[in-house]
N, C-alpha and C. Protein backbone atom coordinates (compact mmCIF):
# COMPACT_ATOMS: atom_id res chain seq x y z
N MET A 1 130.37 119.13 99.88
CA MET A 1 130.71 119.35 98.59
C MET A 1 128.98 119.91 98.27
N ALA A 2 129.70 120.80 96.93
CA ALA A 2 128.33 121.83 96.22
C ALA A 2 128.04 120.97 95.54
N SER A 3 126.52 121.40 94.86
CA SER A 3 126.09 120.31 93.91
C SER A 3 126.91 121.03 92.78
N ASP A 4 126.32 119.71 91.79
CA ASP A 4 127.48 119.93 90.35
C ASP A 4 125.95 120.01 89.41
N LEU A 5 126.16 120.45 87.72
CA LEU A 5 125.14 120.92 86.93
C LEU A 5 125.98 120.52 86.10
N ARG A 6 125.21 119.11 84.91
CA ARG A 6 125.53 119.25 83.99
C ARG A 6 124.47 119.30 82.70
N ARG A 7 124.14 120.43 82.02
CA ARG A 7 123.16 120.26 81.28
C ARG A 7 123.42 119.92 80.13
N ILE A 8 122.43 119.27 79.68
CA ILE A 8 122.11 118.92 78.30
C ILE A 8 121.08 119.56 77.21
N ASP A 9 121.57 120.25 76.13
CA ASP A 9 121.04 121.61 75.48
C ASP A 9 121.14 121.17 74.41
N PRO A 10 120.35 120.28 73.29
CA PRO A 10 118.65 120.63 73.77
C PRO A 10 118.40 119.57 74.84
N PRO A 11 117.57 119.62 75.29
CA PRO A 11 116.67 117.97 76.45
C PRO A 11 116.89 116.74 75.53
N ARG A 12 117.12 115.91 75.88
CA ARG A 12 117.34 114.73 75.30
C ARG A 12 115.75 113.81 75.38
N VAL A 13 115.29 112.71 74.56
CA VAL A 13 114.11 112.01 74.40
C VAL A 13 115.07 110.76 75.60
N VAL A 14 113.80 110.57 76.66
CA VAL A 14 114.01 109.35 77.50
C VAL A 14 112.81 108.92 78.26
N GLN A 15 112.83 107.47 78.65
CA GLN A 15 111.98 106.92 79.33
C GLN A 15 112.15 107.24 80.71
N VAL A 16 111.56 107.48 81.45
CA VAL A 16 111.37 107.27 82.87
C VAL A 16 110.75 106.12 83.46
N GLN A 17 110.87 105.82 84.68
CA GLN A 17 110.36 104.88 85.50
C GLN A 17 110.15 105.14 86.42
N LEU A 18 107.99 105.15 86.42
CA LEU A 18 107.28 105.80 87.45
C LEU A 18 107.35 104.93 88.86
N ASP A 19 107.15 105.23 89.52
CA ASP A 19 107.23 104.26 91.11
C ASP A 19 106.45 103.12 91.28
N ASP A 20 105.08 102.72 90.34
CA ASP A 20 104.18 101.78 90.02
C ASP A 20 105.26 100.92 89.32
N GLY A 21 106.41 100.92 88.60
CA GLY A 21 107.29 100.40 87.82
C GLY A 21 106.94 100.94 85.93
N ARG A 22 105.74 101.57 85.58
CA ARG A 22 105.65 101.89 84.33
C ARG A 22 107.04 102.88 84.04
N TRP A 23 107.34 102.39 82.40
CA TRP A 23 107.99 103.93 82.08
C TRP A 23 107.45 104.73 80.94
N VAL A 24 107.58 105.76 81.14
CA VAL A 24 107.01 106.59 80.22
C VAL A 24 107.78 107.48 79.59
N GLU A 25 107.54 108.31 78.36
CA GLU A 25 108.39 109.14 77.58
C GLU A 25 108.78 110.19 78.41
N GLY A 26 109.42 110.96 78.03
CA GLY A 26 109.94 112.19 78.78
C GLY A 26 111.16 112.75 78.34
N PHE A 27 111.50 113.60 78.85
CA PHE A 27 112.58 114.50 78.74
C PHE A 27 113.88 114.69 79.49
N GLN A 28 114.88 114.56 79.38
CA GLN A 28 116.21 114.63 80.13
C GLN A 28 117.29 115.99 79.85
N ASP A 29 116.79 117.26 80.82
CA ASP A 29 117.87 118.40 80.46
C ASP A 29 119.14 118.25 81.71
N ALA A 30 119.06 117.32 82.43
CA ALA A 30 120.41 117.68 83.33
C ALA A 30 120.97 116.91 83.63
N TRP A 31 121.86 116.29 84.43
CA TRP A 31 122.48 115.59 85.52
C TRP A 31 122.83 116.47 86.58
N VAL A 32 122.52 116.33 87.58
CA VAL A 32 122.80 116.90 89.13
C VAL A 32 123.28 116.17 89.93
N ARG A 33 124.73 117.12 90.31
CA ARG A 33 124.93 116.23 91.82
C ARG A 33 124.73 116.35 93.22
N GLN A 34 124.14 115.50 93.66
CA GLN A 34 123.99 115.64 95.00
C GLN A 34 124.74 116.16 95.84
N SER A 35 124.67 116.97 97.11
CA SER A 35 125.43 116.49 97.88
C SER A 35 126.48 115.47 98.76
N ASP A 36 125.23 114.29 98.41
CA ASP A 36 126.18 113.10 99.34
C ASP A 36 127.16 112.57 97.52
N GLY A 37 127.16 113.27 96.86
CA GLY A 37 128.16 112.91 95.47
C GLY A 37 127.53 111.97 94.65
N SER A 38 126.19 111.39 94.55
CA SER A 38 125.66 111.03 93.92
C SER A 38 124.81 111.65 92.98
N TRP A 39 124.70 110.97 91.45
CA TRP A 39 124.25 112.02 90.51
C TRP A 39 122.56 111.74 90.32
N ARG A 40 121.57 112.73 90.04
CA ARG A 40 120.32 112.20 89.59
C ARG A 40 119.91 113.07 88.06
N ALA A 41 119.35 112.48 87.60
CA ALA A 41 118.78 112.79 86.27
C ALA A 41 117.68 113.74 86.79
N SER A 42 117.85 115.26 85.83
CA SER A 42 116.55 116.17 86.27
C SER A 42 116.07 116.16 84.69
N VAL A 43 114.24 115.69 85.44
CA VAL A 43 113.61 114.97 83.94
C VAL A 43 111.83 115.54 84.34
N SER A 44 111.27 115.81 82.70
CA SER A 44 110.19 115.73 83.31
C SER A 44 109.40 115.02 82.03
N TYR A 45 108.26 114.89 82.40
CA TYR A 45 107.86 114.10 81.44
C TYR A 45 105.68 114.46 82.23
N ARG A 46 104.99 113.96 81.00
CA ARG A 46 103.49 114.29 81.27
C ARG A 46 102.56 112.95 81.40
N LEU A 47 101.78 113.30 82.43
CA LEU A 47 100.53 112.05 82.61
C LEU A 47 99.18 112.48 82.50
N ASP A 48 98.83 112.09 82.04
CA ASP A 48 97.16 112.13 82.46
C ASP A 48 96.34 111.54 83.81
N HIS A 49 95.58 112.60 83.94
CA HIS A 49 95.22 112.58 85.47
C HIS A 49 93.65 112.77 85.11
N GLU A 50 92.67 112.18 85.72
CA GLU A 50 91.02 112.59 85.57
C GLU A 50 90.45 113.74 86.18
N TRP A 51 91.71 114.96 86.44
CA TRP A 51 91.48 116.10 86.53
C TRP A 51 92.12 116.96 84.98
N GLY A 52 93.15 116.08 84.67
CA GLY A 52 93.86 116.47 83.40
C GLY A 52 94.99 116.34 83.01
N ARG A 53 95.38 116.55 82.17
CA ARG A 53 97.02 116.54 81.70
C ARG A 53 97.83 117.17 82.36
N GLY A 54 98.93 116.77 83.31
CA GLY A 54 100.02 117.52 84.06
C GLY A 54 101.32 117.13 83.44
N THR A 55 102.26 118.03 83.80
CA THR A 55 103.48 117.56 83.71
C THR A 55 104.40 117.31 85.31
N HIS A 56 105.05 116.52 85.21
CA HIS A 56 105.77 116.79 86.62
C HIS A 56 107.58 116.78 86.40
N LEU A 57 107.89 117.70 87.51
CA LEU A 57 109.88 117.21 87.12
C LEU A 57 109.61 116.50 88.53
N ALA A 58 111.32 115.92 88.02
CA ALA A 58 111.89 114.88 89.07
C ALA A 58 113.29 114.87 89.55
N ALA A 59 113.73 114.45 90.18
CA ALA A 59 115.42 114.45 90.12
C ALA A 59 115.44 113.13 90.62
N LEU A 60 115.62 111.99 89.62
CA LEU A 60 115.50 111.03 89.42
C LEU A 60 116.98 109.75 89.61
N PRO A 61 117.62 108.58 90.56
CA PRO A 61 118.37 108.07 90.19
C PRO A 61 118.19 107.10 88.81
N PRO A 62 119.97 106.90 88.19
CA PRO A 62 120.49 106.82 87.01
C PRO A 62 119.47 105.51 86.63
N GLU A 63 119.75 104.92 87.76
CA GLU A 63 118.37 103.26 86.43
C GLU A 63 117.25 103.61 86.60
N ARG A 64 116.60 104.89 86.68
CA ARG A 64 115.02 104.46 86.79
C ARG A 64 114.84 105.79 85.47
N VAL A 65 116.28 105.59 84.69
CA VAL A 65 115.77 106.86 83.44
C VAL A 65 116.88 105.82 82.44
N ARG A 66 116.19 105.76 81.26
CA ARG A 66 116.68 105.20 79.92
C ARG A 66 116.53 106.27 78.88
N LEU A 67 117.50 106.19 77.59
CA LEU A 67 117.47 107.02 76.56
C LEU A 67 116.17 105.87 75.76
N ALA A 68 115.72 106.72 75.00
CA ALA A 68 114.69 106.17 74.19
C ALA A 68 115.15 105.93 73.06
N ALA A 69 114.67 104.91 72.31
CA ALA A 69 115.00 104.03 71.38
C ALA A 69 115.00 105.21 70.21
N ILE A 70 115.78 105.22 69.30
CA ILE A 70 115.99 106.08 68.61
C ILE A 70 114.78 106.10 67.08
N LEU A 71 114.10 105.14 67.05
CA LEU A 71 113.19 105.14 66.34
C LEU A 71 111.55 105.02 66.88
N ASP A 72 111.25 105.30 68.20
CA ASP A 72 111.01 105.78 69.16
C ASP A 72 110.80 107.53 68.91
N SER A 73 111.88 107.84 68.77
CA SER A 73 111.85 109.58 68.70
C SER A 73 111.61 110.33 67.29
N VAL A 74 111.78 109.25 66.57
CA VAL A 74 112.12 109.95 64.67
C VAL A 74 110.38 110.37 64.99
N LYS A 75 110.08 111.73 64.28
CA LYS A 75 108.64 111.40 63.58
C LYS A 75 108.39 111.38 61.96
N GLU A 76 107.83 110.81 61.32
CA GLU A 76 107.78 111.09 60.07
C GLU A 76 107.60 112.47 59.66
N LEU A 77 108.00 112.83 58.70
CA LEU A 77 108.14 114.09 57.77
C LEU A 77 106.98 113.87 56.54
């Protein structure tokens, strides 16, 4: 089965579950269907490290991505 891509434009604000169980804010720009038929979320997020801030890109299963609360995404004018 060929992989399939469903873009989200503009990317939406989501929360991403890290390997240690923490949730961090990130962006989802697509859903990608894998060769086995499962779907993964294409996400990016930033983390602070001892060497500085780094941007991470990942393809995660749906249970590790959730929509951010609307109020968390709204910036004051």
